[in-house]
């Protein structure tokens, strides 16, 4: 599993929050940064599709560096 940060314009409503299931959500007005898990590229594309289905504007997506314990 890999962590991805998605920056979304505006804010999330409960429907979008349920669809995206973020690990964390950080307001960065006028946007919000979400951290989500994805196993592979197919799941990343699924995240992008859910952002679009919720009517949200995706500003940026990036894979976060691995953190060793």
PDB file of N, CA and C in Angstrom:
ATOM      1  N   UNK A   1       0.839  -1.175   0.000  1.00  0.00           N
ATOM      2  CA  UNK A   1       0.000   0.000   0.000  1.00  0.00           C
ATOM      3  C   UNK A   1       0.888   1.244   0.000  1.00  0.00           C
ATOM      4  N   UNK A   2       0.422   2.243  -0.683  1.00  0.00           N
ATOM      5  CA  UNK A   2       1.147   3.504  -0.750  1.00  0.00           C
ATOM      6  C   UNK A   2       0.208   4.634  -0.348  1.00  0.00           C
ATOM      7  N   UNK A   3       0.796   5.681   0.209  1.00  0.00           N
ATOM      8  CA  UNK A   3       0.030   6.862   0.582  1.00  0.00           C
ATOM      9  C   UNK A   3       0.097   7.876  -0.551  1.00  0.00           C
ATOM     10  N   UNK A   4      -1.042   8.491  -0.826  1.00  0.00           N
ATOM     11  CA  UNK A   4      -1.142   9.532  -1.837  1.00  0.00           C
ATOM     12  C   UNK A   4      -1.794  10.758  -1.228  1.00  0.00           C
ATOM     13  N   UNK A   5      -1.285  11.928  -1.592  1.00  0.00           N
ATOM     14  CA  UNK A   5      -1.909  13.178  -1.177  1.00  0.00           C
ATOM     15  C   UNK A   5      -2.664  13.750  -2.367  1.00  0.00           C
ATOM     16  N   UNK A   6      -3.925  14.044  -2.134  1.00  0.00           N
ATOM     17  CA  UNK A   6      -4.770  14.663  -3.152  1.00  0.00           C
ATOM     18  C   UNK A   6      -5.133  16.057  -2.663  1.00  0.00           C
ATOM     19  N   UNK A   7      -4.922  17.056  -3.496  1.00  0.00           N
ATOM     20  CA  UNK A   7      -5.369  18.415  -3.177  1.00  0.00           C
ATOM     21  C   UNK A   7      -6.609  18.688  -4.001  1.00  0.00           C
ATOM     22  N   UNK A   8      -7.665  19.050  -3.274  1.00  0.00           N
ATOM     23  CA  UNK A   8      -8.978  19.252  -3.862  1.00  0.00           C
ATOM     24  C   UNK A   8      -9.377  20.708  -3.645  1.00  0.00           C
ATOM     25  N   UNK A   9      -9.932  21.343  -4.671  1.00  0.00           N
ATOM     26  CA  UNK A   9     -10.428  22.711  -4.528  1.00  0.00           C
ATOM     27  C   UNK A   9     -11.659  22.699  -3.626  1.00  0.00           C
ATOM     28  N   UNK A  10     -11.743  23.683  -2.737  1.00  0.00           N
ATOM     29  CA  UNK A  10     -12.907  23.806  -1.865  1.00  0.00           C
ATOM     30  C   UNK A  10     -12.802  22.919  -0.639  1.00  0.00           C
ATOM     31  N   UNK A  11     -13.921  22.337  -0.261  1.00  0.00           N
ATOM     32  CA  UNK A  11     -13.973  21.480   0.922  1.00  0.00           C
ATOM     33  C   UNK A  11     -14.813  20.247   0.591  1.00  0.00           C
ATOM     34  N   UNK A  12     -14.800  19.294   1.500  1.00  0.00           N
ATOM     35  CA  UNK A  12     -15.545  18.048   1.294  1.00  0.00           C
ATOM     36  C   UNK A  12     -16.852  18.062   2.055  1.00  0.00           C
ATOM     37  N   UNK A  13     -17.886  17.520   1.437  1.00  0.00           N
ATOM     38  CA  UNK A  13     -19.111  17.252   2.180  1.00  0.00           C
ATOM     39  C   UNK A  13     -19.050  15.797   2.653  1.00  0.00           C
ATOM     40  N   UNK A  14     -20.033  15.376   3.414  1.00  0.00           N
ATOM     41  CA  UNK A  14     -19.992  14.022   3.987  1.00  0.00           C
ATOM     42  C   UNK A  14     -20.028  12.943   2.903  1.00  0.00           C
ATOM     43  N   UNK A  15     -20.728  13.195   1.794  1.00  0.00           N
ATOM     44  CA  UNK A  15     -20.797  12.223   0.701  1.00  0.00           C
ATOM     45  C   UNK A  15     -19.411  12.007   0.075  1.00  0.00           C
ATOM     46  N   UNK A  16     -18.713  13.104  -0.183  1.00  0.00           N
ATOM     47  CA  UNK A  16     -17.370  13.004  -0.770  1.00  0.00           C
ATOM     48  C   UNK A  16     -16.408  12.350   0.217  1.00  0.00           C
ATOM     49  N   UNK A  17     -16.525  12.697   1.492  1.00  0.00           N
ATOM     50  CA  UNK A  17     -15.658  12.105   2.522  1.00  0.00           C
ATOM     51  C   UNK A  17     -15.860  10.591   2.571  1.00  0.00           C
ATOM     52  N   UNK A  18     -17.105  10.149   2.507  1.00  0.00           N
ATOM     53  CA  UNK A  18     -17.398   8.709   2.510  1.00  0.00           C
ATOM     54  C   UNK A  18     -16.864   8.029   1.249  1.00  0.00           C
ATOM     55  N   UNK A  19     -16.960   8.689   0.108  1.00  0.00           N
ATOM     56  CA  UNK A  19     -16.511   8.105  -1.159  1.00  0.00           C
ATOM     57  C   UNK A  19     -14.992   7.976  -1.219  1.00  0.00           C
ATOM     58  N   UNK A  20     -14.281   8.963  -0.667  1.00  0.00           N
ATOM     59  CA  UNK A  20     -12.826   8.982  -0.769  1.00  0.00           C
ATOM     60  C   UNK A  20     -12.139   8.304   0.409  1.00  0.00           C
ATOM     61  N   UNK A  21     -12.812   8.236   1.549  1.00  0.00           N
ATOM     62  CA  UNK A  21     -12.294   7.565   2.742  1.00  0.00           C
ATOM     63  C   UNK A  21     -10.854   7.963   3.075  1.00  0.00           C
ATOM     64  N   UNK A  22     -10.603   9.276   3.274  1.00  0.00           N
ATOM     65  CA  UNK A  22      -9.231   9.707   3.542  1.00  0.00           C
ATOM     66  C   UNK A  22      -8.734   9.277   4.920  1.00  0.00           C
ATOM     67  N   UNK A  23      -7.419   9.041   5.026  1.00  0.00           N
ATOM     68  CA  UNK A  23      -6.779   8.762   6.312  1.00  0.00           C
ATOM     69  C   UNK A  23      -6.698  10.060   7.106  1.00  0.00           C
ATOM     70  N   UNK A  24      -6.416  11.150   6.386  1.00  0.00           N
ATOM     71  CA  UNK A  24      -6.386  12.467   7.027  1.00  0.00           C
ATOM     72  C   UNK A  24      -6.908  13.511   6.058  1.00  0.00           C
ATOM     73  N   UNK A  25      -7.361  14.621   6.627  1.00  0.00           N
ATOM     74  CA  UNK A  25      -7.922  15.729   5.858  1.00  0.00           C
ATOM     75  C   UNK A  25      -7.411  17.017   6.488  1.00  0.00           C
ATOM     76  N   UNK A  26      -6.696  17.826   5.697  1.00  0.00           N
ATOM     77  CA  UNK A  26      -6.116  19.061   6.206  1.00  0.00           C
ATOM     78  C   UNK A  26      -6.618  20.234   5.381  1.00  0.00           C
ATOM     79  N   UNK A  27      -7.365  21.158   6.003  1.00  0.00           N
ATOM     80  CA  UNK A  27      -7.809  22.343   5.267  1.00  0.00           C
ATOM     81  C   UNK A  27      -6.613  23.226   4.899  1.00  0.00           C
ATOM     82  N   UNK A  28      -6.540  23.610   3.642  1.00  0.00           N
ATOM     83  CA  UNK A  28      -5.527  24.535   3.138  1.00  0.00           C
ATOM     84  C   UNK A  28      -6.251  25.549   2.253  1.00  0.00           C
ATOM     85  N   UNK A  29      -7.087  26.403   2.876  1.00  0.00           N
ATOM     86  CA  UNK A  29      -7.951  27.285   2.091  1.00  0.00           C
ATOM     87  C   UNK A  29      -7.194  27.983   0.961  1.00  0.00           C
ATOM     88  N   UNK A  30      -7.752  27.977  -0.224  1.00  0.00           N
ATOM     89  CA  UNK A  30      -9.114  27.565  -0.611  1.00  0.00           C
ATOM     90  C   UNK A  30      -9.215  26.107  -1.048  1.00  0.00           C
ATOM     91  N   UNK A  31      -8.391  25.244  -0.493  1.00  0.00           N
ATOM     92  CA  UNK A  31      -8.388  23.825  -0.883  1.00  0.00           C
ATOM     93  C   UNK A  31      -8.335  22.957   0.368  1.00  0.00           C
ATOM     94  N   UNK A  32      -8.296  21.657   0.140  1.00  0.00           N
ATOM     95  CA  UNK A  32      -8.140  20.692   1.226  1.00  0.00           C
ATOM     96  C   UNK A  32      -7.174  19.610   0.730  1.00  0.00           C
ATOM     97  N   UNK A  33      -6.299  19.165   1.621  1.00  0.00           N
ATOM     98  CA  UNK A  33      -5.361  18.085   1.296  1.00  0.00           C
ATOM     99  C   UNK A  33      -5.841  16.814   1.972  1.00  0.00           C
ATOM    100  N   UNK A  34      -5.947  15.754   1.197  1.00  0.00           N
ATOM    101  CA  UNK A  34      -6.373  14.457   1.708  1.00  0.00           C
ATOM    102  C   UNK A  34      -5.226  13.473   1.558  1.00  0.00           C
ATOM    103  N   UNK A  35      -5.075  12.601   2.515  1.00  0.00           N
ATOM    104  CA  UNK A  35      -4.133  11.493   2.386  1.00  0.00           C
ATOM    105  C   UNK A  35      -4.969  10.224   2.311  1.00  0.00           C
ATOM    106  N   UNK A  36      -4.736   9.458   1.231  1.00  0.00           N
ATOM    107  CA  UNK A  36      -5.494   8.232   0.986  1.00  0.00           C
ATOM    108  C   UNK A  36      -4.535   7.093   0.670  1.00  0.00           C
ATOM    109  N   UNK A  37      -4.988   5.877   0.925  1.00  0.00           N
ATOM    110  CA  UNK A  37      -4.216   4.672   0.604  1.00  0.00           C
ATOM    111  C   UNK A  37      -4.613   4.131  -0.763  1.00  0.00           C
ATOM    112  N   UNK A  38      -3.625   3.609  -1.492  1.00  0.00           N
ATOM    113  CA  UNK A  38      -3.899   2.914  -2.749  1.00  0.00           C
ATOM    114  C   UNK A  38      -2.865   1.804  -2.903  1.00  0.00           C
ATOM    115  N   UNK A  39      -3.326   0.638  -3.320  1.00  0.00           N
ATOM    116  CA  UNK A  39      -2.430  -0.512  -3.498  1.00  0.00           C
ATOM    117  C   UNK A  39      -1.621  -0.422  -4.785  1.00  0.00           C
ATOM    118  N   UNK A  40      -2.261   0.105  -5.843  1.00  0.00           N
ATOM    119  CA  UNK A  40      -1.623   0.109  -7.151  1.00  0.00           C
ATOM    120  C   UNK A  40      -2.195   1.248  -7.995  1.00  0.00           C
ATOM    121  N   UNK A  41      -1.729   1.329  -9.233  1.00  0.00           N
ATOM    122  CA  UNK A  41      -2.165   2.411 -10.113  1.00  0.00           C
ATOM    123  C   UNK A  41      -3.665   2.343 -10.403  1.00  0.00           C
ATOM    124  N   UNK A  42      -4.219   1.150 -10.453  1.00  0.00           N
ATOM    125  CA  UNK A  42      -5.657   1.013 -10.690  1.00  0.00           C
ATOM    126  C   UNK A  42      -6.446   1.692  -9.564  1.00  0.00           C
ATOM    127  N   UNK A  43      -6.009   1.536  -8.320  1.00  0.00           N
ATOM    128  CA  UNK A  43      -6.696   2.187  -7.205  1.00  0.00           C
ATOM    129  C   UNK A  43      -6.504   3.704  -7.239  1.00  0.00           C
ATOM    130  N   UNK A  44      -5.351   4.155  -7.712  1.00  0.00           N
ATOM    131  CA  UNK A  44      -5.137   5.606  -7.862  1.00  0.00           C
ATOM    132  C   UNK A  44      -6.132   6.159  -8.884  1.00  0.00           C
ATOM    133  N   UNK A  45      -6.301   5.442  -9.993  1.00  0.00           N
ATOM    134  CA  UNK A  45      -7.266   5.876 -11.005  1.00  0.00           C
ATOM    135  C   UNK A  45      -8.687   5.837 -10.440  1.00  0.00           C
ATOM    136  N   UNK A  46      -8.959   4.876  -9.572  1.00  0.00           N
ATOM    137  CA  UNK A  46     -10.259   4.822  -8.907  1.00  0.00           C
ATOM    138  C   UNK A  46     -10.490   6.028  -8.013  1.00  0.00           C
ATOM    139  N   UNK A  47      -9.448   6.452  -7.298  1.00  0.00           N
ATOM    140  CA  UNK A  47      -9.553   7.671  -6.471  1.00  0.00           C
ATOM    141  C   UNK A  47      -9.886   8.877  -7.341  1.00  0.00           C
ATOM    142  N   UNK A  48      -9.174   9.004  -8.450  1.00  0.00           N
ATOM    143  CA  UNK A  48      -9.404  10.129  -9.355  1.00  0.00           C
ATOM    144  C   UNK A  48     -10.834  10.092  -9.893  1.00  0.00           C
ATOM    145  N   UNK A  49     -11.324   8.914 -10.238  1.00  0.00           N
ATOM    146  CA  UNK A  49     -12.697   8.770 -10.739  1.00  0.00           C
ATOM    147  C   UNK A  49     -13.714   9.161  -9.671  1.00  0.00           C
ATOM    148  N   UNK A  50     -13.447   8.791  -8.405  1.00  0.00           N
ATOM    149  CA  UNK A  50     -14.380   9.153  -7.326  1.00  0.00           C
ATOM    150  C   UNK A  50     -14.370  10.654  -7.068  1.00  0.00           C
ATOM    151  N   UNK A  51     -13.208  11.291  -7.189  1.00  0.00           N
ATOM    152  CA  UNK A  51     -13.140  12.756  -7.055  1.00  0.00           C
ATOM    153  C   UNK A  51     -14.049  13.384  -8.111  1.00  0.00           C
ATOM    154  N   UNK A  52     -13.924  12.936  -9.344  1.00  0.00           N
ATOM    155  CA  UNK A  52     -14.732  13.459 -10.440  1.00  0.00           C
ATOM    156  C   UNK A  52     -16.223  13.173 -10.221  1.00  0.00           C
ATOM    157  N   UNK A  53     -16.557  11.952  -9.788  1.00  0.00           N
ATOM    158  CA  UNK A  53     -17.958  11.583  -9.563  1.00  0.00           C
ATOM    159  C   UNK A  53     -18.608  12.432  -8.473  1.00  0.00           C
ATOM    160  N   UNK A  54     -17.797  12.925  -7.541  1.00  0.00           N
ATOM    161  CA  UNK A  54     -18.316  13.785  -6.468  1.00  0.00           C
ATOM    162  C   UNK A  54     -18.411  15.249  -6.905  1.00  0.00           C
ATOM    163  N   UNK A  55     -18.005  15.526  -8.142  1.00  0.00           N
ATOM    164  CA  UNK A  55     -18.074  16.890  -8.648  1.00  0.00           C
ATOM    165  C   UNK A  55     -16.987  17.797  -8.092  1.00  0.00           C
ATOM    166  N   UNK A  56     -15.883  17.196  -7.640  1.00  0.00           N
ATOM    167  CA  UNK A  56     -14.786  17.970  -7.054  1.00  0.00           C
ATOM    168  C   UNK A  56     -13.715  18.245  -8.096  1.00  0.00           C
ATOM    169  N   UNK A  57     -12.966  19.317  -7.882  1.00  0.00           N
ATOM    170  CA  UNK A  57     -11.868  19.665  -8.772  1.00  0.00           C
ATOM    171  C   UNK A  57     -10.550  19.189  -8.154  1.00  0.00           C
ATOM    172  N   UNK A  58      -9.872  18.269  -8.829  1.00  0.00           N
ATOM    173  CA  UNK A  58      -8.579  17.765  -8.383  1.00  0.00           C
ATOM    174  C   UNK A  58      -7.505  18.744  -8.830  1.00  0.00           C
ATOM    175  N   UNK A  59      -6.782  19.317  -7.873  1.00  0.00           N
ATOM    176  CA  UNK A  59      -5.728  20.276  -8.173  1.00  0.00           C
ATOM    177  C   UNK A  59      -4.375  19.600  -8.341  1.00  0.00           C
ATOM    178  N   UNK A  60      -4.143  18.560  -7.531  1.00  0.00           N
ATOM    179  CA  UNK A  60      -2.829  17.903  -7.532  1.00  0.00           C
ATOM    180  C   UNK A  60      -2.956  16.539  -6.875  1.00  0.00           C
ATOM    181  N   UNK A  61      -2.156  15.595  -7.343  1.00  0.00           N
ATOM    182  CA  UNK A  61      -2.046  14.304  -6.675  1.00  0.00           C
ATOM    183  C   UNK A  61      -0.581  13.895  -6.704  1.00  0.00           C
ATOM    184  N   UNK A  62      -0.116  13.366  -5.590  1.00  0.00           N
ATOM    185  CA  UNK A  62       1.284  12.908  -5.539  1.00  0.00           C
ATOM    186  C   UNK A  62       1.407  11.751  -4.569  1.00  0.00           C
ATOM    187  N   UNK A  63       2.351  10.872  -4.888  1.00  0.00           N
ATOM    188  CA  UNK A  63       2.656   9.752  -4.004  1.00  0.00           C
ATOM    189  C   UNK A  63       3.597  10.254  -2.929  1.00  0.00           C
ATOM    190  N   UNK A  64       3.282   9.966  -1.689  1.00  0.00           N
ATOM    191  CA  UNK A  64       4.113  10.405  -0.583  1.00  0.00           C
ATOM    192  C   UNK A  64       5.283   9.436  -0.394  1.00  0.00           C
ATOM    193  N   UNK A  65       6.409   9.947   0.089  1.00  0.00           N
ATOM    194  CA  UNK A  65       7.570   9.082   0.303  1.00  0.00           C
ATOM    195  C   UNK A  65       7.276   7.985   1.320  1.00  0.00           C
ATOM    196  N   UNK A  66       7.914   6.851   1.120  1.00  0.00           N
ATOM    197  CA  UNK A  66       7.800   5.740   2.068  1.00  0.00           C
ATOM    198  C   UNK A  66       8.406   6.168   3.401  1.00  0.00           C
ATOM    199  N   UNK A  67       7.794   5.762   4.487  1.00  0.00           N
ATOM    200  CA  UNK A  67       8.324   6.037   5.818  1.00  0.00           C
ATOM    201  C   UNK A  67       8.706   4.714   6.442  1.00  0.00           C
ATOM    202  N   UNK A  68       9.960   4.572   6.828  1.00  0.00           N
ATOM    203  CA  UNK A  68      10.376   3.327   7.475  1.00  0.00           C
ATOM    204  C   UNK A  68      10.194   3.456   8.980  1.00  0.00           C
ATOM    205  N   UNK A  69       9.758   2.380   9.594  1.00  0.00           N
ATOM    206  CA  UNK A  69       9.482   2.398  11.031  1.00  0.00           C
ATOM    207  C   UNK A  69      10.719   2.114  11.831  1.00  0.00           C
TER     208      UNK A  69
END
